[in-house]
Amino acid sequence: MKNMRAFWGLTHGRGVSDSVLARSTQGMTALQHICDGIAKFCGVDLTSSDKNLKISDSRVQGDNDDCRKMVEWFKHYNPLLESSNLISFCTGVI
Protein backbone atom coordinates (compact mmCIF):
# COMPACT_ATOMS: atom_id res chain seq x y z
CA MET A 1 0.00 0.00 0.00
CA LYS A 2 2.97 2.30 0.40
CA ASN A 3 3.17 3.05 -3.32
CA MET A 4 -0.52 4.04 -3.28
CA ARG A 5 0.31 6.74 -0.73
CA ALA A 6 3.10 8.26 -2.81
CA PHE A 7 2.85 11.84 -4.08
CA TRP A 8 1.48 10.70 -7.44
CA GLY A 9 -0.82 8.06 -5.90
CA LEU A 10 -4.40 8.11 -4.72
CA THR A 11 -3.88 10.23 -1.63
CA HIS A 12 -1.27 12.71 -2.92
CA GLY A 13 0.93 12.21 0.14
CA ARG A 14 -1.78 12.97 2.71
CA GLY A 15 -1.87 11.01 5.95
CA VAL A 16 -4.38 8.26 5.19
CA SER A 17 -4.44 5.02 7.12
CA ASP A 18 -4.15 1.67 5.37
CA SER A 19 -7.70 0.74 6.39
CA VAL A 20 -9.18 3.85 4.74
CA LEU A 21 -7.10 3.27 1.63
CA ALA A 22 -8.15 -0.39 1.50
CA ARG A 23 -11.84 0.53 1.77
CA SER A 24 -11.60 3.07 -1.04
CA THR A 25 -9.76 0.69 -3.38
CA GLN A 26 -12.13 -2.18 -2.59
CA GLY A 27 -15.04 0.07 -3.53
CA MET A 28 -13.49 0.59 -6.95
CA THR A 29 -14.04 -3.07 -7.84
CA ALA A 30 -17.73 -2.70 -7.02
CA LEU A 31 -17.92 0.26 -9.40
CA GLN A 32 -16.33 -1.87 -12.12
CA HIS A 33 -19.07 -4.49 -11.71
CA ILE A 34 -21.73 -1.78 -11.93
CA CYS A 35 -20.19 -0.30 -15.10
CA ASP A 36 -19.94 -3.76 -16.65
CA GLY A 37 -23.60 -4.43 -15.83
CA ILE A 38 -24.72 -1.16 -17.42
CA ALA A 39 -22.68 -1.88 -20.55
CA LYS A 40 -24.13 -5.39 -20.76
CA PHE A 41 -27.68 -4.08 -20.28
CA CYS A 42 -27.24 -1.52 -23.06
CA GLY A 43 -25.55 -4.02 -25.35
CA VAL A 44 -22.41 -1.90 -25.58
CA ASP A 45 -18.95 -3.42 -25.91
CA LEU A 46 -16.39 -1.07 -24.40
CA THR A 47 -13.40 -3.31 -25.04
CA SER A 48 -11.74 -1.95 -28.15
CA SER A 49 -8.17 -2.15 -29.30
CA ASP A 50 -8.48 1.01 -31.39
CA LYS A 51 -6.69 3.86 -29.68
CA ASN A 52 -8.17 6.67 -31.75
CA LEU A 53 -11.78 6.20 -32.69
CA LYS A 54 -13.35 8.51 -35.20
CA ILE A 55 -16.62 10.01 -34.05
CA SER A 56 -18.86 9.05 -36.94
CA ASP A 57 -22.58 9.73 -37.31
CA SER A 58 -23.37 6.08 -36.56
CA ARG A 59 -21.33 6.23 -33.34
CA VAL A 60 -23.13 9.41 -32.24
CA GLN A 61 -26.48 7.81 -33.09
CA GLY A 62 -25.50 4.73 -31.08
CA ASP A 63 -24.58 6.91 -28.10
CA ASN A 64 -27.93 8.69 -28.33
CA ASP A 65 -29.75 5.34 -28.48
CA ASP A 66 -27.82 4.13 -25.42
CA CYS A 67 -28.75 7.32 -23.57
CA ARG A 68 -32.43 6.79 -24.41
CA LYS A 69 -32.22 3.19 -23.13
CA MET A 70 -30.76 4.39 -19.82
CA VAL A 71 -33.43 7.09 -19.42
CA GLU A 72 -36.20 4.54 -20.08
CA TRP A 73 -34.62 2.10 -17.61
CA PHE A 74 -34.48 4.77 -14.89
CA LYS A 75 -38.13 5.67 -15.58
CA HIS A 76 -39.15 2.05 -14.92
CA TYR A 77 -36.66 1.27 -12.11
CA ASN A 78 -36.18 4.43 -10.08
CA PRO A 79 -33.16 3.87 -7.78
CA LEU A 80 -34.25 6.71 -5.48
CA LEU A 81 -37.18 6.28 -3.13
CA GLU A 82 -39.77 9.03 -3.11
CA SER A 83 -39.99 10.24 0.47
CA SER A 84 -40.64 13.45 2.36
CA ASN A 85 -37.92 12.46 4.86
CA LEU A 86 -34.29 13.45 4.56
CA ILE A 87 -32.28 10.27 3.92
CA SER A 88 -28.50 9.96 3.87
CA PHE A 89 -27.20 8.40 0.62
CA CYS A 90 -24.13 7.12 2.43
CA THR A 91 -25.78 5.34 5.35
CA GLY A 92 -29.46 5.18 4.44
CA VAL A 93 -30.34 6.66 7.84
CA ILE A 94 -33.57 8.67 7.95
PDB file of N, CA and C in Angstrom:
ATOM      1  N   MET A   1       0.808  -1.192   0.000  1.00  0.00           N
ATOM      2  CA  MET A   1       0.000   0.000   0.000  1.00  0.00           C
ATOM      3  C   MET A   1       0.856   1.263   0.000  1.00  0.00           C
ATOM      4  N   LYS A   2       2.126   1.115   0.301  1.00  0.00           N
ATOM      5  CA  LYS A   2       2.972   2.297   0.404  1.00  0.00           C
ATOM      6  C   LYS A   2       3.023   3.065  -0.915  1.00  0.00           C
ATOM      7  N   ASN A   3       3.100   2.350  -2.043  1.00  0.00           N
ATOM      8  CA  ASN A   3       3.173   3.052  -3.323  1.00  0.00           C
ATOM      9  C   ASN A   3       1.876   3.783  -3.649  1.00  0.00           C
ATOM     10  N   MET A   4       0.748   3.351  -3.062  1.00  0.00           N
ATOM     11  CA  MET A   4      -0.522   4.039  -3.277  1.00  0.00           C
ATOM     12  C   MET A   4      -0.543   5.380  -2.556  1.00  0.00           C
ATOM     13  N   ARG A   5       0.292   5.514  -1.511  1.00  0.00           N
ATOM     14  CA  ARG A   5       0.313   6.742  -0.735  1.00  0.00           C
ATOM     15  C   ARG A   5       1.389   7.702  -1.217  1.00  0.00           C
ATOM     16  N   ALA A   6       2.048   7.387  -2.288  1.00  0.00           N
ATOM     17  CA  ALA A   6       3.096   8.258  -2.812  1.00  0.00           C
ATOM     18  C   ALA A   6       2.486   9.552  -3.334  1.00  0.00           C
ATOM     19  N   PHE A   7       3.316  10.522  -3.635  1.00  0.00           N
ATOM     20  CA  PHE A   7       2.854  11.842  -4.077  1.00  0.00           C
ATOM     21  C   PHE A   7       1.946  11.734  -5.299  1.00  0.00           C
ATOM     22  N   TRP A   8       2.255  10.831  -6.208  1.00  0.00           N
ATOM     23  CA  TRP A   8       1.478  10.704  -7.439  1.00  0.00           C
ATOM     24  C   TRP A   8       0.341   9.687  -7.288  1.00  0.00           C
ATOM     25  N   GLY A   9       0.181   9.103  -6.116  1.00  0.00           N
ATOM     26  CA  GLY A   9      -0.823   8.062  -5.902  1.00  0.00           C
ATOM     27  C   GLY A   9      -2.195   8.613  -5.576  1.00  0.00           C
ATOM     28  N   LEU A  10      -3.015   7.766  -4.996  1.00  0.00           N
ATOM     29  CA  LEU A  10      -4.403   8.112  -4.724  1.00  0.00           C
ATOM     30  C   LEU A  10      -4.558   9.233  -3.707  1.00  0.00           C
ATOM     31  N   THR A  11      -3.677   9.292  -2.730  1.00  0.00           N
ATOM     32  CA  THR A  11      -3.876  10.233  -1.625  1.00  0.00           C
ATOM     33  C   THR A  11      -3.004  11.461  -1.724  1.00  0.00           C
ATOM     34  N   HIS A  12      -2.156  11.560  -2.706  1.00  0.00           N
ATOM     35  CA  HIS A  12      -1.272  12.712  -2.916  1.00  0.00           C
ATOM     36  C   HIS A  12      -0.442  13.033  -1.677  1.00  0.00           C
ATOM     37  N   GLY A  13       0.036  12.006  -0.980  1.00  0.00           N
ATOM     38  CA  GLY A  13       0.933  12.212   0.145  1.00  0.00           C
ATOM     39  C   GLY A  13       0.250  12.585   1.439  1.00  0.00           C
ATOM     40  N   ARG A  14      -1.077  12.625   1.480  1.00  0.00           N
ATOM     41  CA  ARG A  14      -1.781  12.967   2.715  1.00  0.00           C
ATOM     42  C   ARG A  14      -1.726  11.787   3.668  1.00  0.00           C
ATOM     43  N   GLY A  15      -1.893  12.073   4.944  1.00  0.00           N
ATOM     44  CA  GLY A  15      -1.875  11.013   5.949  1.00  0.00           C
ATOM     45  C   GLY A  15      -3.168  10.222   5.945  1.00  0.00           C
ATOM     46  N   VAL A  16      -3.197   9.113   5.256  1.00  0.00           N
ATOM     47  CA  VAL A  16      -4.376   8.258   5.186  1.00  0.00           C
ATOM     48  C   VAL A  16      -3.974   6.883   5.680  1.00  0.00           C
ATOM     49  N   SER A  17      -4.778   6.332   6.574  1.00  0.00           N
ATOM     50  CA  SER A  17      -4.441   5.019   7.123  1.00  0.00           C
ATOM     51  C   SER A  17      -4.649   3.934   6.069  1.00  0.00           C
ATOM     52  N   ASP A  18      -4.014   2.791   6.304  1.00  0.00           N
ATOM     53  CA  ASP A  18      -4.146   1.671   5.372  1.00  0.00           C
ATOM     54  C   ASP A  18      -5.588   1.178   5.286  1.00  0.00           C
ATOM     55  N   SER A  19      -6.318   1.232   6.410  1.00  0.00           N
ATOM     56  CA  SER A  19      -7.700   0.739   6.386  1.00  0.00           C
ATOM     57  C   SER A  19      -8.591   1.620   5.512  1.00  0.00           C
ATOM     58  N   VAL A  20      -8.400   2.933   5.582  1.00  0.00           N
ATOM     59  CA  VAL A  20      -9.184   3.846   4.745  1.00  0.00           C
ATOM     60  C   VAL A  20      -8.823   3.643   3.281  1.00  0.00           C
ATOM     61  N   LEU A  21      -7.550   3.490   3.000  1.00  0.00           N
ATOM     62  CA  LEU A  21      -7.100   3.270   1.630  1.00  0.00           C
ATOM     63  C   LEU A  21      -7.633   1.947   1.088  1.00  0.00           C
ATOM     64  N   ALA A  22      -7.638   0.914   1.929  1.00  0.00           N
ATOM     65  CA  ALA A  22      -8.147  -0.387   1.504  1.00  0.00           C
ATOM     66  C   ALA A  22      -9.636  -0.309   1.190  1.00  0.00           C
ATOM     67  N   ARG A  23     -10.408   0.399   2.023  1.00  0.00           N
ATOM     68  CA  ARG A  23     -11.844   0.532   1.768  1.00  0.00           C
ATOM     69  C   ARG A  23     -12.117   1.261   0.459  1.00  0.00           C
ATOM     70  N   SER A  24     -11.351   2.308   0.187  1.00  0.00           N
ATOM     71  CA  SER A  24     -11.599   3.066  -1.042  1.00  0.00           C
ATOM     72  C   SER A  24     -11.223   2.259  -2.277  1.00  0.00           C
ATOM     73  N   THR A  25     -10.146   1.491  -2.212  1.00  0.00           N
ATOM     74  CA  THR A  25      -9.757   0.693  -3.378  1.00  0.00           C
ATOM     75  C   THR A  25     -10.666  -0.512  -3.554  1.00  0.00           C
ATOM     76  N   GLN A  26     -11.193  -1.073  -2.461  1.00  0.00           N
ATOM     77  CA  GLN A  26     -12.133  -2.185  -2.587  1.00  0.00           C
ATOM     78  C   GLN A  26     -13.444  -1.716  -3.197  1.00  0.00           C
ATOM     79  N   GLY A  27     -13.824  -0.483  -2.932  1.00  0.00           N
ATOM     80  CA  GLY A  27     -15.039   0.069  -3.528  1.00  0.00           C
ATOM     81  C   GLY A  27     -14.924   0.233  -5.029  1.00  0.00           C
ATOM     82  N   MET A  28     -13.701   0.416  -5.515  1.00  0.00           N
ATOM     83  CA  MET A  28     -13.495   0.593  -6.954  1.00  0.00           C
ATOM     84  C   MET A  28     -13.878  -0.659  -7.726  1.00  0.00           C
ATOM     85  N   THR A  29     -13.658  -1.839  -7.141  1.00  0.00           N
ATOM     86  CA  THR A  29     -14.036  -3.073  -7.841  1.00  0.00           C
ATOM     87  C   THR A  29     -15.551  -3.174  -7.955  1.00  0.00           C
ATOM     88  N   ALA A  30     -16.264  -2.692  -6.942  1.00  0.00           N
ATOM     89  CA  ALA A  30     -17.731  -2.696  -7.015  1.00  0.00           C
ATOM     90  C   ALA A  30     -18.201  -1.790  -8.145  1.00  0.00           C
ATOM     91  N   LEU A  31     -17.557  -0.646  -8.311  1.00  0.00           N
ATOM     92  CA  LEU A  31     -17.919   0.255  -9.405  1.00  0.00           C
ATOM     93  C   LEU A  31     -17.677  -0.398 -10.755  1.00  0.00           C
ATOM     94  N   GLN A  32     -16.618  -1.189 -10.859  1.00  0.00           N
ATOM     95  CA  GLN A  32     -16.329  -1.869 -12.123  1.00  0.00           C
ATOM     96  C   GLN A  32     -17.450  -2.836 -12.476  1.00  0.00           C
ATOM     97  N   HIS A  33     -17.964  -3.560 -11.467  1.00  0.00           N
ATOM     98  CA  HIS A  33     -19.070  -4.489 -11.712  1.00  0.00           C
ATOM     99  C   HIS A  33     -20.329  -3.740 -12.150  1.00  0.00           C
ATOM    100  N   ILE A  34     -20.567  -2.582 -11.555  1.00  0.00           N
ATOM    101  CA  ILE A  34     -21.732  -1.776 -11.933  1.00  0.00           C
ATOM    102  C   ILE A  34     -21.598  -1.290 -13.373  1.00  0.00           C
ATOM    103  N   CYS A  35     -20.419  -0.781 -13.726  1.00  0.00           N
ATOM    104  CA  CYS A  35     -20.189  -0.302 -15.097  1.00  0.00           C
ATOM    105  C   CYS A  35     -20.324  -1.435 -16.107  1.00  0.00           C
ATOM    106  N   ASP A  36     -19.812  -2.612 -15.760  1.00  0.00           N
ATOM    107  CA  ASP A  36     -19.944  -3.763 -16.652  1.00  0.00           C
ATOM    108  C   ASP A  36     -21.408  -4.149 -16.836  1.00  0.00           C
ATOM    109  N   GLY A  37     -22.180  -4.098 -15.748  1.00  0.00           N
ATOM    110  CA  GLY A  37     -23.602  -4.426 -15.827  1.00  0.00           C
ATOM    111  C   GLY A  37     -24.372  -3.458 -16.707  1.00  0.00           C
ATOM    112  N   ILE A  38     -24.056  -2.170 -16.582  1.00  0.00           N
ATOM    113  CA  ILE A  38     -24.720  -1.161 -17.416  1.00  0.00           C
ATOM    114  C   ILE A  38     -24.368  -1.369 -18.881  1.00  0.00           C
ATOM    115  N   ALA A  39     -23.094  -1.646 -19.171  1.00  0.00           N
ATOM    116  CA  ALA A  39     -22.676  -1.880 -20.552  1.00  0.00           C
ATOM    117  C   ALA A  39     -23.360  -3.120 -21.126  1.00  0.00           C
ATOM    118  N   LYS A  40     -23.475  -4.168 -20.301  1.00  0.00           N
ATOM    119  CA  LYS A  40     -24.131  -5.392 -20.758  1.00  0.00           C
ATOM    120  C   LYS A  40     -25.619  -5.145 -21.012  1.00  0.00           C
ATOM    121  N   PHE A  41     -26.263  -4.396 -20.121  1.00  0.00           N
ATOM    122  CA  PHE A  41     -27.685  -4.085 -20.277  1.00  0.00           C
ATOM    123  C   PHE A  41     -27.947  -3.302 -21.555  1.00  0.00           C
ATOM    124  N   CYS A  42     -27.069  -2.362 -21.862  1.00  0.00           N
ATOM    125  CA  CYS A  42     -27.245  -1.524 -23.055  1.00  0.00           C
ATOM    126  C   CYS A  42     -26.743  -2.202 -24.321  1.00  0.00           C
ATOM    127  N   GLY A  43     -26.076  -3.338 -24.178  1.00  0.00           N
ATOM    128  CA  GLY A  43     -25.547  -4.020 -25.347  1.00  0.00           C
ATOM    129  C   GLY A  43     -24.359  -3.310 -25.957  1.00  0.00           C
ATOM    130  N   VAL A  44     -23.562  -2.663 -25.111  1.00  0.00           N
ATOM    131  CA  VAL A  44     -22.410  -1.897 -25.577  1.00  0.00           C
ATOM    132  C   VAL A  44     -21.142  -2.659 -25.220  1.00  0.00           C
ATOM    133  N   ASP A  45     -20.237  -2.780 -26.167  1.00  0.00           N
ATOM    134  CA  ASP A  45     -18.951  -3.419 -25.912  1.00  0.00           C
ATOM    135  C   ASP A  45     -17.891  -2.335 -25.821  1.00  0.00           C
ATOM    136  N   LEU A  46     -17.359  -2.135 -24.614  1.00  0.00           N
ATOM    137  CA  LEU A  46     -16.389  -1.067 -24.403  1.00  0.00           C
ATOM    138  C   LEU A  46     -14.947  -1.546 -24.537  1.00  0.00           C
ATOM    139  N   THR A  47     -14.754  -2.805 -24.866  1.00  0.00           N
ATOM    140  CA  THR A  47     -13.400  -3.312 -25.044  1.00  0.00           C
ATOM    141  C   THR A  47     -13.014  -3.167 -26.503  1.00  0.00           C
ATOM    142  N   SER A  48     -12.165  -2.219 -26.782  1.00  0.00           N
ATOM    143  CA  SER A  48     -11.744  -1.947 -28.151  1.00  0.00           C
ATOM    144  C   SER A  48     -10.242  -1.777 -28.169  1.00  0.00           C
ATOM    145  N   SER A  49      -9.614  -2.302 -29.189  1.00  0.00           N
ATOM    146  CA  SER A  49      -8.167  -2.151 -29.297  1.00  0.00           C
ATOM    147  C   SER A  49      -7.786  -0.884 -30.056  1.00  0.00           C
ATOM    148  N   ASP A  50      -8.776  -0.219 -30.651  1.00  0.00           N
ATOM    149  CA  ASP A  50      -8.480   1.006 -31.393  1.00  0.00           C
ATOM    150  C   ASP A  50      -8.188   2.131 -30.413  1.00  0.00           C
ATOM    151  N   LYS A  51      -7.063   2.761 -30.570  1.00  0.00           N
ATOM    152  CA  LYS A  51      -6.689   3.858 -29.676  1.00  0.00           C
ATOM    153  C   LYS A  51      -7.421   5.142 -30.039  1.00  0.00           C
ATOM    154  N   ASN A  52      -7.525   5.440 -31.308  1.00  0.00           N
ATOM    155  CA  ASN A  52      -8.175   6.673 -31.754  1.00  0.00           C
ATOM    156  C   ASN A  52      -9.396   6.311 -32.582  1.00  0.00           C
ATOM    157  N   LEU A  53     -10.550   6.506 -31.983  1.00  0.00           N
ATOM    158  CA  LEU A  53     -11.784   6.202 -32.695  1.00  0.00           C
ATOM    159  C   LEU A  53     -12.347   7.478 -33.298  1.00  0.00           C
ATOM    160  N   LYS A  54     -12.756   7.363 -34.533  1.00  0.00           N
ATOM    161  CA  LYS A  54     -13.347   8.508 -35.203  1.00  0.00           C
ATOM    162  C   LYS A  54     -14.806   8.621 -34.763  1.00  0.00           C
ATOM    163  N   ILE A  55     -15.244   9.816 -34.471  1.00  0.00           N
ATOM    164  CA  ILE A  55     -16.624  10.009 -34.054  1.00  0.00           C
ATOM    165  C   ILE A  55     -17.474  10.154 -35.310  1.00  0.00           C
ATOM    166  N   SER A  56     -18.038   9.049 -35.734  1.00  0.00           N
ATOM    167  CA  SER A  56     -18.860   9.048 -36.941  1.00  0.00           C
ATOM    168  C   SER A  56     -20.323   9.266 -36.558  1.00  0.00           C
ATOM    169  N   ASP A  57     -21.155   9.520 -37.560  1.00  0.00           N
ATOM    170  CA  ASP A  57     -22.583   9.726 -37.314  1.00  0.00           C
ATOM    171  C   ASP A  57     -23.216   8.495 -36.674  1.00  0.00           C
ATOM    172  N   SER A  58     -22.792   7.307 -37.125  1.00  0.00           N
ATOM    173  CA  SER A  58     -23.371   6.085 -36.564  1.00  0.00           C
ATOM    174  C   SER A  58     -22.978   5.915 -35.095  1.00  0.00           C
ATOM    175  N   ARG A  59     -21.767   6.325 -34.744  1.00  0.00           N
ATOM    176  CA  ARG A  59     -21.332   6.233 -33.345  1.00  0.00           C
ATOM    177  C   ARG A  59     -22.120   7.217 -32.478  1.00  0.00           C
ATOM    178  N   VAL A  60     -22.337   8.422 -32.975  1.00  0.00           N
ATOM    179  CA  VAL A  60     -23.125   9.414 -32.237  1.00  0.00           C
ATOM    180  C   VAL A  60     -24.556   8.914 -32.080  1.00  0.00           C
ATOM    181  N   GLN A  61     -25.120   8.351 -33.149  1.00  0.00           N
ATOM    182  CA  GLN A  61     -26.476   7.807 -33.089  1.00  0.00           C
ATOM    183  C   GLN A  61     -26.551   6.672 -32.074  1.00  0.00           C
ATOM    184  N   GLY A  62     -25.538   5.817 -32.058  1.00  0.00           N
ATOM    185  CA  GLY A  62     -25.496   4.728 -31.081  1.00  0.00           C
ATOM    186  C   GLY A  62     -25.444   5.249 -29.653  1.00  0.00           C
ATOM    187  N   ASP A  63     -24.654   6.306 -29.430  1.00  0.00           N
ATOM    188  CA  ASP A  63     -24.578   6.911 -28.097  1.00  0.00           C
ATOM    189  C   ASP A  63     -25.928   7.490 -27.690  1.00  0.00           C
ATOM    190  N   ASN A  64     -26.606   8.137 -28.625  1.00  0.00           N
ATOM    191  CA  ASN A  64     -27.931   8.691 -28.332  1.00  0.00           C
ATOM    192  C   ASN A  64     -28.935   7.587 -28.013  1.00  0.00           C
ATOM    193  N   ASP A  65     -28.867   6.478 -28.749  1.00  0.00           N
ATOM    194  CA  ASP A  65     -29.748   5.341 -28.478  1.00  0.00           C
ATOM    195  C   ASP A  65     -29.474   4.762 -27.089  1.00  0.00           C
ATOM    196  N   ASP A  66     -28.191   4.641 -26.740  1.00  0.00           N
ATOM    197  CA  ASP A  66     -27.825   4.131 -25.418  1.00  0.00           C
ATOM    198  C   ASP A  66     -28.344   5.047 -24.315  1.00  0.00           C
ATOM    199  N   CYS A  67     -28.257   6.338 -24.541  1.00  0.00           N
ATOM    200  CA  CYS A  67     -28.753   7.316 -23.570  1.00  0.00           C
ATOM    201  C   CYS A  67     -30.262   7.156 -23.389  1.00  0.00           C
ATOM    202  N   ARG A  68     -30.986   6.984 -24.495  1.00  0.00           N
ATOM    203  CA  ARG A  68     -32.431   6.785 -24.413  1.00  0.00           C
ATOM    204  C   ARG A  68     -32.769   5.512 -23.638  1.00  0.00           C
ATOM    205  N   LYS A  69     -31.998   4.445 -23.861  1.00  0.00           N
ATOM    206  CA  LYS A  69     -32.219   3.193 -23.129  1.00  0.00           C
ATOM    207  C   LYS A  69     -32.056   3.401 -21.628  1.00  0.00           C
ATOM    208  N   MET A  70     -31.012   4.140 -21.246  1.00  0.00           N
ATOM    209  CA  MET A  70     -30.764   4.389 -19.823  1.00  0.00           C
ATOM    210  C   MET A  70     -31.889   5.225 -19.214  1.00  0.00           C
ATOM    211  N   VAL A  71     -32.349   6.244 -19.932  1.00  0.00           N
ATOM    212  CA  VAL A  71     -33.434   7.092 -19.423  1.00  0.00           C
ATOM    213  C   VAL A  71     -34.695   6.254 -19.225  1.00  0.00           C
ATOM    214  N   GLU A  72     -35.021   5.406 -20.197  1.00  0.00           N
ATOM    215  CA  GLU A  72     -36.196   4.542 -20.075  1.00  0.00           C
ATOM    216  C   GLU A  72     -36.054   3.581 -18.906  1.00  0.00           C
ATOM    217  N   TRP A  73     -34.858   3.027 -18.714  1.00  0.00           N
ATOM    218  CA  TRP A  73     -34.624   2.099 -17.607  1.00  0.00           C
ATOM    219  C   TRP A  73     -34.847   2.808 -16.279  1.00  0.00           C
ATOM    220  N   PHE A  74     -34.315   4.032 -16.139  1.00  0.00           N
ATOM    221  CA  PHE A  74     -34.485   4.770 -14.893  1.00  0.00           C
ATOM    222  C   PHE A  74     -35.936   5.194 -14.675  1.00  0.00           C
ATOM    223  N   LYS A  75     -36.706   5.363 -15.740  1.00  0.00           N
ATOM    224  CA  LYS A  75     -38.131   5.670 -15.577  1.00  0.00           C
ATOM    225  C   LYS A  75     -38.872   4.473 -14.984  1.00  0.00           C
ATOM    226  N   HIS A  76     -38.488   3.258 -15.395  1.00  0.00           N
ATOM    227  CA  HIS A  76     -39.151   2.047 -14.917  1.00  0.00           C
ATOM    228  C   HIS A  76     -38.605   1.571 -13.579  1.00  0.00           C
ATOM    229  N   TYR A  77     -37.316   1.750 -13.332  1.00  0.00           N
ATOM    230  CA  TYR A  77     -36.658   1.267 -12.115  1.00  0.00           C
ATOM    231  C   TYR A  77     -35.963   2.433 -11.418  1.00  0.00           C
ATOM    232  N   ASN A  78     -36.723   3.263 -10.755  1.00  0.00           N
ATOM    233  CA  ASN A  78     -36.180   4.434 -10.080  1.00  0.00           C
ATOM    234  C   ASN A  78     -35.326   3.987  -8.889  1.00  0.00           C
ATOM    235  N   PRO A  79     -34.023   4.303  -8.885  1.00  0.00           N
ATOM    236  CA  PRO A  79     -33.157   3.872  -7.781  1.00  0.00           C
ATOM    237  C   PRO A  79     -33.348   4.709  -6.518  1.00  0.00           C
ATOM    238  N   LEU A  80     -34.047   5.826  -6.623  1.00  0.00           N
ATOM    239  CA  LEU A  80     -34.251   6.709  -5.479  1.00  0.00           C
ATOM    240  C   LEU A  80     -35.693   6.605  -4.997  1.00  0.00           C
ATOM    241  N   LEU A  81     -35.850   6.371  -3.717  1.00  0.00           N
ATOM    242  CA  LEU A  81     -37.177   6.280  -3.132  1.00  0.00           C
ATOM    243  C   LEU A  81     -37.790   7.666  -3.006  1.00  0.00           C
ATOM    244  N   GLU A  82     -39.081   7.761  -3.298  1.00  0.00           N
ATOM    245  CA  GLU A  82     -39.773   9.029  -3.105  1.00  0.00           C
ATOM    246  C   GLU A  82     -40.204   9.099  -1.647  1.00  0.00           C
ATOM    247  N   SER A  83     -39.700  10.111  -0.945  1.00  0.00           N
ATOM    248  CA  SER A  83     -39.988  10.244   0.472  1.00  0.00           C
ATOM    249  C   SER A  83     -39.912  11.707   0.861  1.00  0.00           C
ATOM    250  N   SER A  84     -40.708  12.076   1.851  1.00  0.00           N
ATOM    251  CA  SER A  84     -40.635  13.447   2.358  1.00  0.00           C
ATOM    252  C   SER A  84     -39.565  13.578   3.435  1.00  0.00           C
ATOM    253  N   ASN A  85     -38.980  12.458   3.843  1.00  0.00           N
ATOM    254  CA  ASN A  85     -37.922  12.465   4.856  1.00  0.00           C
ATOM    255  C   ASN A  85     -36.569  12.698   4.217  1.00  0.00           C
ATOM    256  N   LEU A  86     -35.667  13.261   4.997  1.00  0.00           N
ATOM    257  CA  LEU A  86     -34.291  13.449   4.556  1.00  0.00           C
ATOM    258  C   LEU A  86     -33.523  12.163   4.838  1.00  0.00           C
ATOM    259  N   ILE A  87     -32.968  11.551   3.781  1.00  0.00           N
ATOM    260  CA  ILE A  87     -32.277  10.274   3.919  1.00  0.00           C
ATOM    261  C   ILE A  87     -30.844  10.434   3.446  1.00  0.00           C
ATOM    262  N   SER A  88     -29.909   9.903   4.233  1.00  0.00           N
ATOM    263  CA  SER A  88     -28.496   9.959   3.868  1.00  0.00           C
ATOM    264  C   SER A  88     -28.206   8.924   2.791  1.00  0.00           C
ATOM    265  N   PHE A  89     -27.592   9.348   1.673  1.00  0.00           N
ATOM    266  CA  PHE A  89     -27.196   8.404   0.622  1.00  0.00           C
ATOM    267  C   PHE A  89     -26.148   7.435   1.133  1.00  0.00           C
ATOM    268  N   CYS A  90     -25.258   7.923   1.966  1.00  0.00           N
ATOM    269  CA  CYS A  90     -24.128   7.124   2.434  1.00  0.00           C
ATOM    270  C   CYS A  90     -24.579   5.998   3.356  1.00  0.00           C
ATOM    271  N   THR A  91     -25.417   6.325   4.338  1.00  0.00           N
ATOM    272  CA  THR A  91     -25.779   5.336   5.350  1.00  0.00           C
ATOM    273  C   THR A  91     -27.202   4.822   5.215  1.00  0.00           C
ATOM    274  N   GLY A  92     -28.066   5.567   4.546  1.00  0.00           N
ATOM    275  CA  GLY A  92     -29.464   5.184   4.445  1.00  0.00           C
ATOM    276  C   GLY A  92     -30.277   5.555   5.672  1.00  0.00           C
ATOM    277  N   VAL A  93     -29.658   6.283   6.604  1.00  0.00           N
ATOM    278  CA  VAL A  93     -30.335   6.662   7.842  1.00  0.00           C
ATOM    279  C   VAL A  93     -31.324   7.781   7.566  1.00  0.00           C
ATOM    280  N   ILE A  94     -32.528   7.649   8.118  1.00  0.00           N
ATOM    281  CA  ILE A  94     -33.569   8.670   7.950  1.00  0.00           C
ATOM    282  C   ILE A  94     -33.404   9.730   9.013  1.00  0.00           C
TER     283      ILE A  94
END
